[in-house]
Every structure is written in C-alpha cells, then in structure tokens.
C-alpha cells in the first residue's frame, strides 16, 4: 500500500531483512492495539476459561499483524528488486509501505512500466495470501478446522475441507489464537488492498491496466472515485464506520487529484 512515508522518530524500530532496510514507526504498535482490541475481546470471550487473558492475546495479535504486514511489504520489495530497483520498508499506523530508493544499476532506472507496476503492486497481497494459505493448509493437514473462515465475509466458509475436523481451540487455545490472529489480517488486508481505489495496490493495478489499454490517468482516477463511493456506502451500511470513512477519504483524494490534473492542463 503506497500512500506517504511517515516522519522519523527516535522511538522507531530499525533492522534489515533480506537486504532491505526496515523501519517500524511507533504508531504501528499503537494502531495495532487499537484496531485489534475488538477481535481480541471476541476471542477472549469465546475461549472463556481457556483464554490466557486479554493482554497476552493483544501481544500475540500485534506480533501476528507485524509479521503479516511485513510479509506483504516484503513481497513488494522483492518485486522491486526483480526489476532492478532498490527499496526500503516502513510499517506505520496505516499498514506499510515499500518505498523505491534507487537503482541497482549505475546507469539509473527509468522507473516501472505499466506491466512491471502491475506485478510489483500484486506481489504484496500475493505474498500475504500465500502465507495465510500455507498456515491454513498446515492446520487442515493436522486435522483441525479453520474456524476463522466463518468470521470472514464472503464465500470463505464454503472452501471445501476447511471446516471439517477437530476444534483447535479445545486442544490448543494458544495455537487457535495464533492462527486466527494471523489469518484474519493476512486474508482481509490483502483483499482490501486489491480493491481498485488509488493509492491501494488494486488502484495501482487498475491504473496500469487502463494505461496499457490506451486510457489515461484521469479515467483511472474516476474509477477510483466511483469504487470508493460504493465501498464507503458498503462500510456505513454494514456498521463498519472505519471502512466507510477510509474510502470516503480515498475517494476525495482521487477527486482532488482529478482537479489538480485538469488545473495543470488549463490553468
């Protein structure tokens, strides 16, 4: 997800992974606790006497979200590298960023063409979904059911073989919590990012696809405005206020970008 890099802070965590500089802003940890509290409470109530408590579950949620978002951005960064572009990774309160920082070639890089941009944009959600599929596959092979799929919207609960077998929460509440906390963001965050609204990954894919077919940036931004409107309506209609407000802001941002482009042409 590419929006804008947050400001630096002495409280940021920094390390290197697979040759990519990684910075985790302190806002990432704060947002993780806020956004995950409702899910943690739900799981704590579900596990009842088997629950280790809200605080341990919050820490486990934060760790799972950290790994999931990091894998997402690592997918983008590896795709950048594949196209000869250096990248760094930043995690912050809106999720994460994979930021191009230069070229591996001394002759420089002319940037990504539309086909390359589609691959780089898709690589992040793909990495995240594959990691969720691997974990889910291991759980199913162990003879347990993926209860978390029943909590997700859409057709996930109808995936053959995933809701058969023993209940993991009864045999290992800790592992059940880990699977739930990892699968939930890894699937939903990846799919959310594939919605064709700028500047989500799906917005990049949609824009590059339109350019490849002879369209222009303004047309792509209008698609972004329309889809954002539908998503905002869906969010507010289903009591998901955060989702609704997020897509209102993204839709307004796309509309403002259209005005800026028109102003630069005729101003």
Protein backbone atom coordinates (compact mmCIF):
# COMPACT_ATOMS: atom_id res chain seq x y z
CA UNK A 1 0.00 0.00 0.00
CA UNK A 2 1.66 3.23 -1.14
CA UNK A 3 0.49 6.47 0.44
CA UNK A 4 3.05 8.69 2.17
CA UNK A 5 6.05 7.86 4.33
CA UNK A 6 5.55 8.88 7.98
CA UNK A 7 8.03 11.14 9.75
CA UNK A 8 11.03 9.65 11.51
CA UNK A 9 11.06 9.21 15.29
CA UNK A 10 13.69 8.15 17.84
CA UNK A 11 11.17 5.54 19.00
CA UNK A 12 11.13 3.74 15.64
CA UNK A 13 12.41 0.17 15.41
CA UNK A 14 15.02 -0.36 12.68
CA UNK A 15 16.54 -3.52 11.25
CA UNK A 16 17.43 -5.14 7.94
CA UNK A 17 15.66 -8.10 6.32
CA UNK A 18 16.90 -9.86 3.17
CA UNK A 19 18.95 -6.78 2.38
CA UNK A 20 16.03 -4.34 2.75
CA UNK A 21 16.15 -1.60 5.40
CA UNK A 22 13.03 -1.85 7.60
CA UNK A 23 11.64 0.88 9.83
CA UNK A 24 8.70 0.28 12.16
CA UNK A 25 7.17 3.55 13.35
CA UNK A 26 5.88 3.63 16.92
CA UNK A 27 2.43 4.43 15.51
CA UNK A 28 2.27 0.91 14.07
CA UNK A 29 2.26 -0.64 17.55
CA UNK A 30 -0.30 1.86 18.86
CA UNK A 31 -2.66 1.32 15.91
CA UNK A 32 -2.27 -2.46 16.20
CA UNK A 33 -3.51 -2.39 19.78
CA UNK A 34 -6.44 -0.10 18.96
CA UNK A 35 -7.64 -1.94 15.85
CA UNK A 36 -7.14 -5.40 17.32
CA UNK A 37 -8.84 -4.85 20.65
CA UNK A 38 -12.32 -5.79 19.44
CA UNK A 39 -11.13 -9.05 17.88
CA UNK A 40 -9.08 -9.85 20.99
CA UNK A 41 -12.11 -9.33 23.23
CA UNK A 42 -14.21 -11.57 20.99
CA UNK A 43 -11.63 -14.34 21.15
CA UNK A 44 -11.17 -13.90 24.91
CA UNK A 45 -14.92 -14.35 25.45
CA UNK A 46 -15.03 -17.32 23.07
CA UNK A 47 -12.20 -19.15 24.82
CA UNK A 48 -13.65 -18.34 28.25
CA UNK A 49 -11.70 -20.24 30.93
CA UNK A 50 -9.22 -21.45 28.30
CA UNK A 51 -8.19 -17.88 27.44
CA UNK A 52 -4.74 -16.72 28.58
CA UNK A 53 -6.20 -13.24 29.11
CA UNK A 54 -6.68 -10.03 27.13
CA UNK A 55 -3.12 -8.71 27.50
CA UNK A 56 -1.34 -11.87 26.24
CA UNK A 57 -3.83 -12.06 23.37
CA UNK A 58 -3.20 -8.41 22.47
CA UNK A 59 0.55 -9.05 22.37
CA UNK A 60 0.03 -12.15 20.20
CA UNK A 61 -2.27 -10.18 17.87
CA UNK A 62 0.32 -7.43 17.50
CA UNK A 63 3.06 -9.95 16.69
CA UNK A 64 0.88 -11.70 14.09
CA UNK A 65 -0.13 -8.41 12.46
CA UNK A 66 3.51 -7.31 12.38
CA UNK A 67 4.62 -10.48 10.57
CA UNK A 68 1.66 -10.39 8.18
CA UNK A 69 2.14 -6.75 7.10
CA UNK A 70 5.90 -7.23 6.90
CA UNK A 71 5.43 -10.17 4.52
CA UNK A 72 3.07 -8.03 2.42
CA UNK A 73 5.63 -5.24 2.05
CA UNK A 74 8.43 -7.73 1.54
CA UNK A 75 6.51 -9.05 -1.46
CA UNK A 76 6.52 -5.55 -2.97
CA UNK A 77 10.20 -5.02 -2.13
CA UNK A 78 11.26 -8.32 -3.73
CA UNK A 79 9.30 -7.44 -6.87
CA UNK A 80 11.05 -4.05 -6.96
CA UNK A 81 14.39 -5.86 -6.68
CA UNK A 82 13.39 -8.20 -9.51
CA UNK A 83 13.01 -5.10 -11.68
CA UNK A 84 16.36 -3.66 -10.67
CA UNK A 85 15.05 -1.18 -8.10
CA UNK A 86 16.24 -0.80 -4.52
CA UNK A 87 13.55 -0.48 -1.86
CA UNK A 88 13.05 0.08 1.83
CA UNK A 89 10.12 -0.95 4.03
CA UNK A 90 8.19 1.16 6.53
CA UNK A 91 5.41 -0.07 8.81
CA UNK A 92 3.15 2.57 10.37
CA UNK A 93 -0.42 3.18 11.54
CA UNK A 94 -1.98 2.76 8.07
CA UNK A 95 -0.18 -0.53 7.44
CA UNK A 96 3.02 -0.45 5.45
CA UNK A 97 4.98 0.99 2.57
CA UNK A 98 7.53 -0.44 0.17
CA UNK A 99 9.45 2.61 -1.00
CA UNK A 100 11.70 2.60 -4.11
CA UNK A 101 15.02 4.22 -3.19
CA UNK A 102 17.11 3.93 -6.33
CA UNK A 103 18.50 1.54 -8.90
CA UNK A 104 20.92 -1.37 -8.60
CA UNK A 105 22.43 -0.19 -11.88
CA UNK A 106 24.86 2.75 -12.01
CA UNK A 107 23.06 3.91 -15.16
CA UNK A 108 19.93 4.54 -13.15
CA UNK A 109 16.37 3.44 -13.68
CA UNK A 110 13.62 4.97 -15.75
CA UNK A 111 11.01 3.69 -13.31
CA UNK A 112 8.44 0.96 -13.77
CA UNK A 113 6.44 0.48 -16.94
CA UNK A 114 2.73 -0.40 -16.52
CA UNK A 115 3.30 -4.17 -16.73
CA UNK A 116 6.04 -4.01 -14.10
CA UNK A 117 3.88 -1.82 -11.88
CA UNK A 118 1.07 -4.39 -12.04
CA UNK A 119 3.43 -7.12 -10.87
CA UNK A 120 5.00 -5.04 -8.10
CA UNK A 121 1.56 -3.99 -6.86
CA UNK A 122 0.18 -7.53 -6.94
CA UNK A 123 3.24 -9.13 -5.31
CA UNK A 124 2.45 -7.74 -1.84
CA UNK A 125 -1.10 -9.11 -1.48
CA UNK A 126 0.01 -12.33 -3.17
CA UNK A 127 2.79 -12.91 -0.63
CA UNK A 128 0.37 -12.24 2.22
CA UNK A 129 -2.31 -14.56 0.84
CA UNK A 130 0.20 -17.34 0.17
CA UNK A 131 1.48 -17.12 3.75
CA UNK A 132 -2.11 -17.43 5.01
CA UNK A 133 -2.73 -20.38 2.69
CA UNK A 134 0.37 -22.17 3.97
CA UNK A 135 -0.64 -21.71 7.61
CA UNK A 136 -4.23 -22.70 6.89
CA UNK A 137 -3.07 -25.75 4.96
CA UNK A 138 -0.90 -26.89 7.86
CA UNK A 139 -3.83 -26.56 10.27
CA UNK A 140 -6.13 -28.56 7.98
CA UNK A 141 -3.47 -31.26 7.48
CA UNK A 142 -3.19 -31.53 11.26
CA UNK A 143 -6.88 -32.49 11.27
CA UNK A 144 -8.33 -29.23 12.59
CA UNK A 145 -10.98 -26.89 11.22
CA UNK A 146 -10.26 -23.28 10.21
CA UNK A 147 -12.89 -21.63 12.38
CA UNK A 148 -11.60 -18.16 11.47
CA UNK A 149 -13.05 -18.54 7.95
CA UNK A 150 -16.55 -18.48 9.45
CA UNK A 151 -15.88 -14.98 10.76
CA UNK A 152 -14.90 -13.55 7.39
CA UNK A 153 -17.32 -12.02 4.88
CA UNK A 154 -17.87 -13.66 1.53
CA UNK A 155 -17.50 -17.29 0.46
CA UNK A 156 -14.55 -18.24 2.68
CA UNK A 157 -16.62 -20.58 4.85
CA UNK A 158 -17.54 -22.62 1.75
CA UNK A 159 -13.94 -23.59 0.87
CA UNK A 160 -14.03 -27.43 0.76
CA UNK A 161 -12.35 -29.25 3.64
CA UNK A 162 -11.53 -26.20 5.73
CA UNK A 163 -14.35 -26.51 8.28
CA UNK A 164 -14.04 -30.22 8.92
CA UNK A 165 -12.09 -31.94 11.67
CA UNK A 166 -11.46 -31.20 15.34
CA UNK A 167 -11.82 -27.85 17.07
CA UNK A 168 -8.34 -26.41 17.55
CA UNK A 169 -9.43 -24.13 20.42
CA UNK A 170 -10.13 -27.13 22.64
CA UNK A 171 -6.76 -28.83 22.08
CA UNK A 172 -4.53 -25.74 21.91
CA UNK A 173 -6.10 -22.34 22.70
CA UNK A 174 -2.78 -20.57 22.09
CA UNK A 175 -2.34 -22.06 18.62
CA UNK A 176 -6.00 -21.34 17.85
CA UNK A 177 -5.46 -17.68 18.75
CA UNK A 178 -2.27 -17.50 16.67
CA UNK A 179 -3.97 -18.98 13.60
CA UNK A 180 -6.95 -16.65 13.99
CA UNK A 181 -4.84 -13.55 14.52
CA UNK A 182 -2.61 -14.33 11.55
CA UNK A 183 -5.25 -15.49 9.08
CA UNK A 184 -7.64 -12.63 9.73
CA UNK A 185 -5.42 -9.71 8.62
CA UNK A 186 -3.48 -11.77 6.08
CA UNK A 187 -6.60 -12.53 4.07
CA UNK A 188 -8.71 -9.42 4.63
CA UNK A 189 -5.88 -6.88 4.43
CA UNK A 190 -4.61 -8.44 1.20
CA UNK A 191 -8.08 -8.44 -0.39
CA UNK A 192 -8.78 -4.90 0.84
CA UNK A 193 -5.60 -3.73 -0.87
CA UNK A 194 -6.72 -5.30 -4.16
CA UNK A 195 -9.80 -3.06 -4.39
CA UNK A 196 -9.28 -0.74 -7.41
CA UNK A 197 -9.05 2.51 -5.45
CA UNK A 198 -5.99 4.76 -5.62
CA UNK A 199 -3.47 4.50 -3.96
CA UNK A 200 -4.20 0.94 -2.80
CA UNK A 201 -2.41 -1.87 -4.61
CA UNK A 202 -5.58 -2.55 -6.58
CA UNK A 203 -5.62 1.12 -7.59
CA UNK A 204 -2.10 0.79 -9.00
CA UNK A 205 -3.11 -2.37 -10.87
CA UNK A 206 -6.26 -0.72 -12.23
CA UNK A 207 -4.40 2.43 -13.30
CA UNK A 208 -1.64 0.49 -15.09
CA UNK A 209 -4.22 -1.75 -16.78
CA UNK A 210 -6.09 1.31 -18.09
CA UNK A 211 -2.84 2.84 -19.37
CA UNK A 212 -1.93 -0.43 -21.11
CA UNK A 213 -5.28 -0.35 -22.91
CA UNK A 214 -4.89 3.20 -24.18
CA UNK A 215 -6.63 5.04 -21.33
CA UNK A 216 -5.30 7.84 -19.18
CA UNK A 217 -4.74 8.71 -15.54
CA UNK A 218 -7.93 10.78 -15.25
CA UNK A 219 -10.04 7.80 -16.32
CA UNK A 220 -8.30 5.66 -13.70
CA UNK A 221 -8.96 8.26 -11.02
CA UNK A 222 -12.67 8.39 -11.93
CA UNK A 223 -12.83 4.59 -11.50
CA UNK A 224 -11.18 5.10 -8.12
CA UNK A 225 -13.76 7.72 -7.10
CA UNK A 226 -16.71 5.53 -8.13
CA UNK A 227 -15.43 2.35 -6.47
CA UNK A 228 -14.50 4.29 -3.32
CA UNK A 229 -18.09 5.60 -3.20
CA UNK A 230 -19.50 2.07 -3.37
CA UNK A 231 -17.09 0.85 -0.69
CA UNK A 232 -17.92 3.78 1.60
CA UNK A 233 -21.63 3.02 1.22
CA UNK A 234 -20.97 -0.66 1.97
CA UNK A 235 -18.98 0.21 5.07
CA UNK A 236 -21.54 2.61 6.55
CA UNK A 237 -24.44 0.30 5.63
CA UNK A 238 -22.87 -2.61 7.48
CA UNK A 239 -21.81 -0.73 10.58
CA UNK A 240 -18.14 -0.65 9.58
CA UNK A 241 -17.54 3.03 10.22
CA UNK A 242 -13.75 2.90 9.87
CA UNK A 243 -14.04 1.22 6.47
CA UNK A 244 -16.60 3.80 5.37
CA UNK A 245 -14.53 6.80 6.45
CA UNK A 246 -11.37 5.33 4.94
CA UNK A 247 -12.94 5.02 1.50
CA UNK A 248 -14.54 8.46 1.77
CA UNK A 249 -11.06 9.91 2.30
CA UNK A 250 -9.58 7.86 -0.55
CA UNK A 251 -12.40 8.87 -2.88
CA UNK A 252 -11.99 12.55 -2.01
CA UNK A 253 -8.23 12.24 -2.55
CA UNK A 254 -8.79 10.77 -6.04
CA UNK A 255 -11.28 13.51 -6.90
CA UNK A 256 -8.82 16.19 -5.77
CA UNK A 257 -6.15 14.59 -7.96
CA UNK A 258 -8.50 14.89 -10.96
CA UNK A 259 -8.98 18.60 -10.22
CA UNK A 260 -5.21 19.08 -9.96
CA UNK A 261 -4.60 17.40 -13.32
CA UNK A 262 -7.32 19.47 -15.01
CA UNK A 263 -5.95 22.62 -13.37
CA UNK A 264 -2.44 21.92 -14.64
CA UNK A 265 -3.81 21.49 -18.16
CA UNK A 266 -5.98 24.57 -18.30
CA UNK A 267 -4.56 26.79 -15.55
